Protein backbone atom coordinates (compact mmCIF):
# COMPACT_ATOMS: atom_id res chain seq x y z
CA MET A 1 7.50 22.28 -3.28
CA LYS A 2 9.59 19.13 -3.83
CA ASN A 3 9.59 15.62 -2.46
CA SER A 4 12.16 15.79 0.37
CA ALA A 5 13.39 12.21 0.01
CA SER A 6 14.15 9.89 -2.87
CA PRO A 7 11.54 7.28 -3.85
CA GLN A 8 14.00 4.52 -2.94
CA HIS A 9 14.42 5.94 0.57
CA GLU A 10 10.65 6.27 1.05
CA ILE A 11 10.15 2.68 -0.16
CA ALA A 12 12.81 1.41 2.24
CA LEU A 13 11.00 3.11 5.13
CA GLY A 14 7.65 1.61 4.07
CA GLN A 15 6.32 5.08 3.22
CA ARG A 16 5.85 4.49 -0.51
CA PHE A 17 4.62 1.64 -2.69
CA GLU A 18 7.03 0.24 -5.27
CA PHE A 19 5.01 1.46 -8.22
CA GLY A 20 7.85 0.92 -10.66
CA GLU A 21 8.37 -2.69 -9.64
CA ASN A 22 4.69 -3.46 -10.21
CA TRP A 23 4.84 -1.79 -13.64
CA THR A 24 7.99 -3.72 -14.52
CA ARG A 25 6.09 -6.99 -14.02
CA PHE A 26 3.13 -5.60 -16.00
CA LEU A 27 5.35 -4.94 -19.03
CA THR A 28 5.48 -8.67 -19.79
CA THR A 29 1.73 -8.65 -20.48
CA ILE A 30 1.73 -5.79 -23.00
CA ASP A 31 0.74 -6.81 -26.52
CA ASP A 32 -0.96 -5.24 -29.53
CA ALA A 33 -4.41 -5.79 -28.01
CA ARG A 34 -3.53 -3.87 -24.84
CA ILE A 35 -1.96 -1.08 -26.87
CA GLY A 36 -5.04 -0.87 -29.07
CA THR A 37 -7.33 -0.68 -26.03
CA ALA A 38 -5.17 2.09 -24.54
CA MET A 39 -5.32 4.02 -27.82
CA MET A 40 -9.12 3.80 -27.90
CA SER A 41 -9.23 5.00 -24.28
CA ILE A 42 -7.30 8.15 -25.18
CA GLN A 43 -9.39 8.78 -28.28
CA ARG A 44 -12.59 8.54 -26.23
CA LEU A 45 -11.33 10.89 -23.54
CA LEU A 46 -10.12 13.43 -26.08
CA TYR A 47 -13.42 13.33 -27.97
CA GLY A 48 -11.92 12.04 -31.19
CA GLU A 49 -10.21 15.39 -31.83
CA GLU A 50 -7.47 15.68 -34.43
CA LEU A 51 -4.53 14.46 -32.37
CA ALA A 52 -1.56 14.21 -34.73
CA GLY A 53 1.16 16.70 -33.89
CA ARG A 54 -0.48 18.04 -30.74
CA LYS A 55 1.31 17.99 -27.38
CA PHE A 56 0.53 15.34 -24.76
CA LEU A 57 1.97 15.25 -21.23
CA ASP A 58 1.81 11.98 -19.30
CA VAL A 59 2.12 12.86 -15.60
CA GLY A 60 3.30 9.79 -13.70
CA SER A 61 3.80 7.60 -16.77
CA GLY A 62 4.06 4.35 -14.79
CA SER A 63 4.44 1.47 -17.23
CA GLY A 64 4.51 3.87 -20.18
CA LEU A 65 1.54 2.19 -21.86
CA MET A 66 -0.55 5.35 -22.12
CA SER A 67 2.43 7.32 -23.42
CA LEU A 68 2.98 4.61 -26.03
CA ALA A 69 -0.69 4.78 -27.00
CA ALA A 70 -0.53 8.57 -27.30
CA ARG A 71 2.57 8.45 -29.47
CA SER A 72 0.98 5.74 -31.63
CA LEU A 73 -1.89 8.19 -32.24
CA GLY A 74 0.58 10.76 -33.56
CA LEU A 75 0.76 12.99 -30.47
CA GLN A 76 4.02 14.66 -29.47
CA VAL A 77 4.61 13.07 -26.07
CA VAL A 78 6.46 14.07 -22.91
CA SER A 79 6.42 11.47 -20.12
CA PHE A 80 7.72 11.81 -16.60
CA ASP A 81 7.54 9.90 -13.35
CA TYR A 82 8.90 10.32 -9.83
CA ASP A 83 9.91 6.65 -9.59
CA PRO A 84 13.10 5.82 -11.57
CA ALA A 85 11.88 2.24 -12.11
CA SER A 86 8.73 3.61 -13.80
CA VAL A 87 10.89 5.87 -15.96
CA ALA A 88 12.86 2.77 -16.96
CA CYS A 89 9.61 1.00 -17.93
CA THR A 90 8.58 3.91 -20.14
CA ASN A 91 12.03 4.02 -21.74
CA LYS A 92 11.84 0.29 -22.45
CA LEU A 93 8.53 0.69 -24.31
CA LYS A 94 9.92 3.60 -26.30
CA ASP A 95 13.06 1.62 -27.20
CA THR A 96 10.87 -1.29 -28.32
CA TYR A 97 8.25 0.59 -30.35
CA PHE A 98 9.73 4.04 -31.15
CA PRO A 99 13.53 3.76 -30.87
CA GLY A 100 15.31 7.09 -31.22
CA ASP A 101 12.04 8.95 -31.80
CA PRO A 102 12.44 12.73 -31.14
CA GLY A 103 8.66 13.02 -30.78
CA TRP A 104 8.69 11.22 -27.43
CA THR A 105 10.66 12.66 -24.49
CA ILE A 106 10.98 10.80 -21.18
CA CYS A 107 12.38 12.17 -17.92
CA GLN A 108 12.41 11.66 -14.17
CA GLY A 109 10.80 14.35 -12.02
CA SER A 110 8.18 15.19 -9.43
CA VAL A 111 4.84 16.90 -10.01
CA LEU A 112 5.52 18.68 -6.70
CA ASP A 113 8.74 20.24 -8.08
CA GLU A 114 7.71 23.58 -9.57
CA THR A 115 11.20 24.26 -10.95
CA PHE A 116 11.11 20.99 -12.88
CA LEU A 117 7.59 21.62 -14.14
CA SER A 118 8.44 25.15 -15.32
CA ARG A 119 10.87 23.68 -17.84
CA LEU A 120 8.21 21.52 -19.49
CA GLY A 121 6.02 24.29 -20.96
CA THR A 122 2.32 23.82 -21.65
CA PHE A 123 0.40 21.08 -23.44
CA ASP A 124 -2.78 20.54 -25.43
CA PHE A 125 -3.52 17.43 -23.34
CA VAL A 126 -2.35 16.71 -19.80
CA TYR A 127 -3.02 13.17 -18.58
CA ALA A 128 -2.72 12.36 -14.85
CA TRP A 129 -4.58 9.12 -14.26
CA GLY A 130 -4.50 7.62 -10.78
CA VAL A 131 -1.30 9.48 -9.93
CA LEU A 132 -1.75 12.69 -7.97
CA HIS A 133 -3.36 11.04 -4.94
CA HIS A 134 -0.10 9.10 -4.46
CA THR A 135 2.17 12.15 -4.18
CA GLY A 136 1.59 12.82 -0.49
CA ASP A 137 0.38 16.35 -1.35
CA MET A 138 -2.53 15.87 -3.73
CA TRP A 139 -3.92 19.41 -3.64
CA THR A 140 -0.56 21.00 -4.48
CA ALA A 141 -0.15 18.47 -7.27
CA LEU A 142 -3.57 19.41 -8.67
CA ASP A 143 -2.68 23.10 -8.59
CA ASN A 144 0.63 22.36 -10.32
CA VAL A 145 -0.84 20.37 -13.22
CA ALA A 146 -3.34 23.18 -13.89
CA SER A 147 -0.44 25.40 -14.94
CA LEU A 148 0.72 22.82 -17.52
CA VAL A 149 -2.47 22.98 -19.61
CA ALA A 150 -2.50 25.37 -22.57
CA PRO A 151 -5.55 27.62 -23.18
CA GLN A 152 -8.40 25.49 -24.60
CA GLY A 153 -6.35 22.46 -23.61
CA LEU A 154 -7.74 19.40 -21.82
CA LEU A 155 -6.79 17.92 -18.47
CA VAL A 156 -7.66 14.27 -17.83
CA VAL A 157 -7.38 13.27 -14.18
CA ALA A 158 -8.53 10.31 -12.08
CA LEU A 159 -8.55 10.56 -8.28
CA TYR A 160 -9.53 8.20 -5.48
CA ASN A 161 -13.10 8.64 -4.30
CA ASP A 162 -13.65 9.75 -0.70
CA GLN A 163 -15.55 6.92 1.03
CA GLY A 164 -15.40 8.45 4.50
CA VAL A 165 -14.66 5.79 7.11
CA TRP A 166 -13.85 3.19 4.48
CA SER A 167 -11.13 5.42 3.06
CA LYS A 168 -9.52 5.44 6.51
CA VAL A 169 -9.68 1.64 6.52
CA TRP A 170 -8.03 1.49 3.10
CA ARG A 171 -5.29 3.88 4.23
CA LEU A 172 -4.51 1.44 7.05
CA VAL A 173 -4.55 -1.51 4.62
CA LYS A 174 -2.11 0.25 2.29
CA ALA A 175 0.19 1.33 5.12
CA THR A 176 0.23 -2.26 6.40
CA TYR A 177 1.10 -3.67 2.96
CA ASN A 178 4.12 -1.41 2.66
CA LYS A 179 5.47 -2.46 6.06
CA LEU A 180 5.22 -6.19 5.29
CA PRO A 181 8.17 -8.38 4.26
CA ARG A 182 8.29 -8.79 0.49
CA ARG A 183 7.46 -12.51 0.66
CA LEU A 184 4.08 -11.78 2.31
CA LYS A 185 2.88 -8.97 0.07
CA SER A 186 1.23 -11.02 -2.69
CA LEU A 187 -0.56 -13.17 -0.11
CA PHE A 188 -1.80 -10.01 1.60
CA VAL A 189 -3.24 -8.75 -1.72
CA VAL A 190 -5.10 -12.02 -2.19
CA LEU A 191 -6.50 -11.98 1.35
CA VAL A 192 -7.63 -8.36 1.08
CA MET A 193 -9.18 -8.59 -2.38
CA ALA A 194 -10.65 -12.12 -2.26
CA PRO A 195 -14.00 -11.11 -0.67
CA ARG A 196 -14.64 -8.45 -3.32
CA GLU A 197 -13.53 -10.70 -6.18
CA LEU A 198 -15.81 -13.48 -4.94
CA GLU A 199 -18.70 -11.03 -4.74
CA ILE A 200 -18.10 -9.93 -8.33
CA MET A 201 -17.54 -13.42 -9.69
CA ALA A 202 -20.06 -15.39 -7.59
CA VAL A 203 -22.99 -15.21 -10.02
CA PRO A 204 -20.97 -16.16 -13.14
CA ILE A 205 -19.35 -19.04 -11.23
CA LEU A 206 -22.70 -20.31 -9.91
CA LYS A 207 -24.09 -20.15 -13.46
CA GLY A 208 -21.09 -22.06 -14.75
CA ASN A 209 -20.01 -19.11 -16.87
CA PHE A 210 -16.31 -19.79 -16.44
CA ALA A 211 -15.53 -18.21 -19.80
CA TYR A 212 -16.63 -14.85 -18.37
CA VAL A 213 -14.43 -15.31 -15.31
CA SER A 214 -11.48 -16.24 -17.51
CA ARG A 215 -12.00 -13.16 -19.70
CA GLN A 216 -12.09 -10.89 -16.64
CA TRP A 217 -8.72 -12.18 -15.55
CA SER A 218 -6.98 -12.58 -18.90
CA GLN A 219 -8.19 -9.54 -20.84
CA SER A 220 -7.31 -5.91 -20.28
CA ASN A 221 -9.63 -3.33 -18.77
CA THR A 222 -10.85 -0.23 -20.61
CA ARG A 223 -7.38 1.36 -20.51
CA GLY A 224 -5.42 -1.76 -21.43
CA MET A 225 -4.40 -2.54 -17.85
CA SER A 226 -4.22 -5.89 -16.06
CA ARG A 227 -6.66 -6.93 -13.33
CA TRP A 228 -4.00 -8.44 -11.07
CA HIS A 229 -1.52 -5.57 -11.39
CA ASP A 230 -4.32 -3.07 -10.77
CA MET A 231 -5.25 -5.01 -7.61
CA VAL A 232 -1.65 -4.92 -6.36
CA ASP A 233 -1.56 -1.19 -7.10
CA TRP A 234 -4.84 -0.67 -5.25
CA VAL A 235 -3.83 -2.60 -2.10
CA GLY A 236 -0.29 -1.22 -2.01
CA GLY A 237 -0.72 2.25 -3.51
CA TYR A 238 0.70 4.60 -0.86
CA PRO A 239 0.81 7.54 -0.05
CA PHE A 240 -2.97 7.64 -0.30
CA GLN A 241 -5.34 10.61 -0.41
CA VAL A 242 -8.98 10.90 -1.42
CA CYS A 243 -11.39 13.64 -2.45
CA LYS A 244 -15.00 14.34 -3.30
CA PRO A 245 -16.00 15.32 -6.87
CA GLU A 246 -17.28 18.73 -5.78
CA GLU A 247 -13.93 19.53 -4.14
CA VAL A 248 -12.10 18.85 -7.40
CA PHE A 249 -14.68 20.77 -9.44
CA TYR A 250 -14.37 23.95 -7.38
CA ARG A 251 -10.58 23.67 -7.24
CA PHE A 252 -10.26 23.70 -11.02
CA LYS A 253 -13.02 26.24 -11.49
CA ARG A 254 -10.78 28.70 -9.63
CA HIS A 255 -8.03 27.89 -12.12
CA GLY A 256 -10.25 28.79 -15.08
CA PHE A 257 -11.30 25.26 -16.07
CA MET A 258 -14.69 23.93 -17.11
CA LEU A 259 -15.70 20.36 -16.31
CA THR A 260 -16.65 18.62 -19.56
CA GLU A 261 -16.92 15.00 -18.43
CA LEU A 262 -17.31 13.22 -15.09
CA LYS A 263 -17.57 9.53 -14.29
CA THR A 264 -17.96 8.75 -10.59
CA CYS A 265 -17.69 5.58 -8.53
CA ALA A 266 -21.20 6.15 -7.20
CA GLY A 267 -19.81 6.10 -3.67
CA ASP A 268 -17.81 2.90 -4.15
CA LEU A 269 -14.05 2.39 -4.01
CA GLY A 270 -11.91 3.38 -6.97
CA CYS A 271 -11.30 6.55 -8.94
CA ASN A 272 -13.60 9.33 -10.06
CA GLU A 273 -12.64 10.33 -13.60
CA TYR A 274 -12.64 13.96 -14.78
CA VAL A 275 -12.02 15.80 -18.03
CA PHE A 276 -11.53 19.57 -17.72
CA GLU A 277 -11.08 22.20 -20.42
CA LYS A 278 -9.00 25.29 -19.68
CA LYS A 279 -11.21 28.23 -20.60
CA CYS A 280 -9.59 31.32 -19.12
CA SER A 281 -7.03 32.72 -16.74
CA PRO A 282 -7.49 31.85 -13.06
CA SER A 283 -9.84 34.14 -11.13
């Protein structure tokens, strides 16, 4: 299955968030500290295994930061994204840090396009963080990435948690954002996220711990990402699908995978994070 329209056409119709534009703005914040944090994130997820020379696929590379981190760790990297602007971001990072490097390949393509995927081969590590729930066909995308993992390879995937009614509310919020005029979108993000940010920051502010608040806004998260750009991605990220951990577990079990690590949102908003190992042929 393929996406039937181009990302630009879907964006123009308000059916898709401008992921690439958000990542383009994020690129200006990337520095050695963010890269180092991203590298540590990959090392933790891949259990500190010997990485040099092994094959890493970045599904939906976005800004390209995680691909850059993987290449900096010595992995042979293939990056792809559906959004041409995201592909451009990834190419810019490669040109800056690894110009002309044959160990890092970047291309434009869809995880729903089986013909495209069949040309990629299989990989020791497949990384699809916060991506597949934005394809418009999450379950097909999950099935497709399973075929890209080599035997004994690892799949790292993060997917939006199913919050029931609240997920329906968030779908409406995201659909609304993408229909708004461009000049109102940042204001809409602030209005939507302000109550949650105030809840998180209220105690530090009341205690006068403004250094903590400043760190939360100026420093990267555990993957090297930016708080503001993650918020824009969260409010605007559309298409939008959710799932329960047990649904993902049983889906990959049928594909011959074993769950080796799970970090849930404990029922809150955000992504549940999974690491699967490919043990055998699908049943």
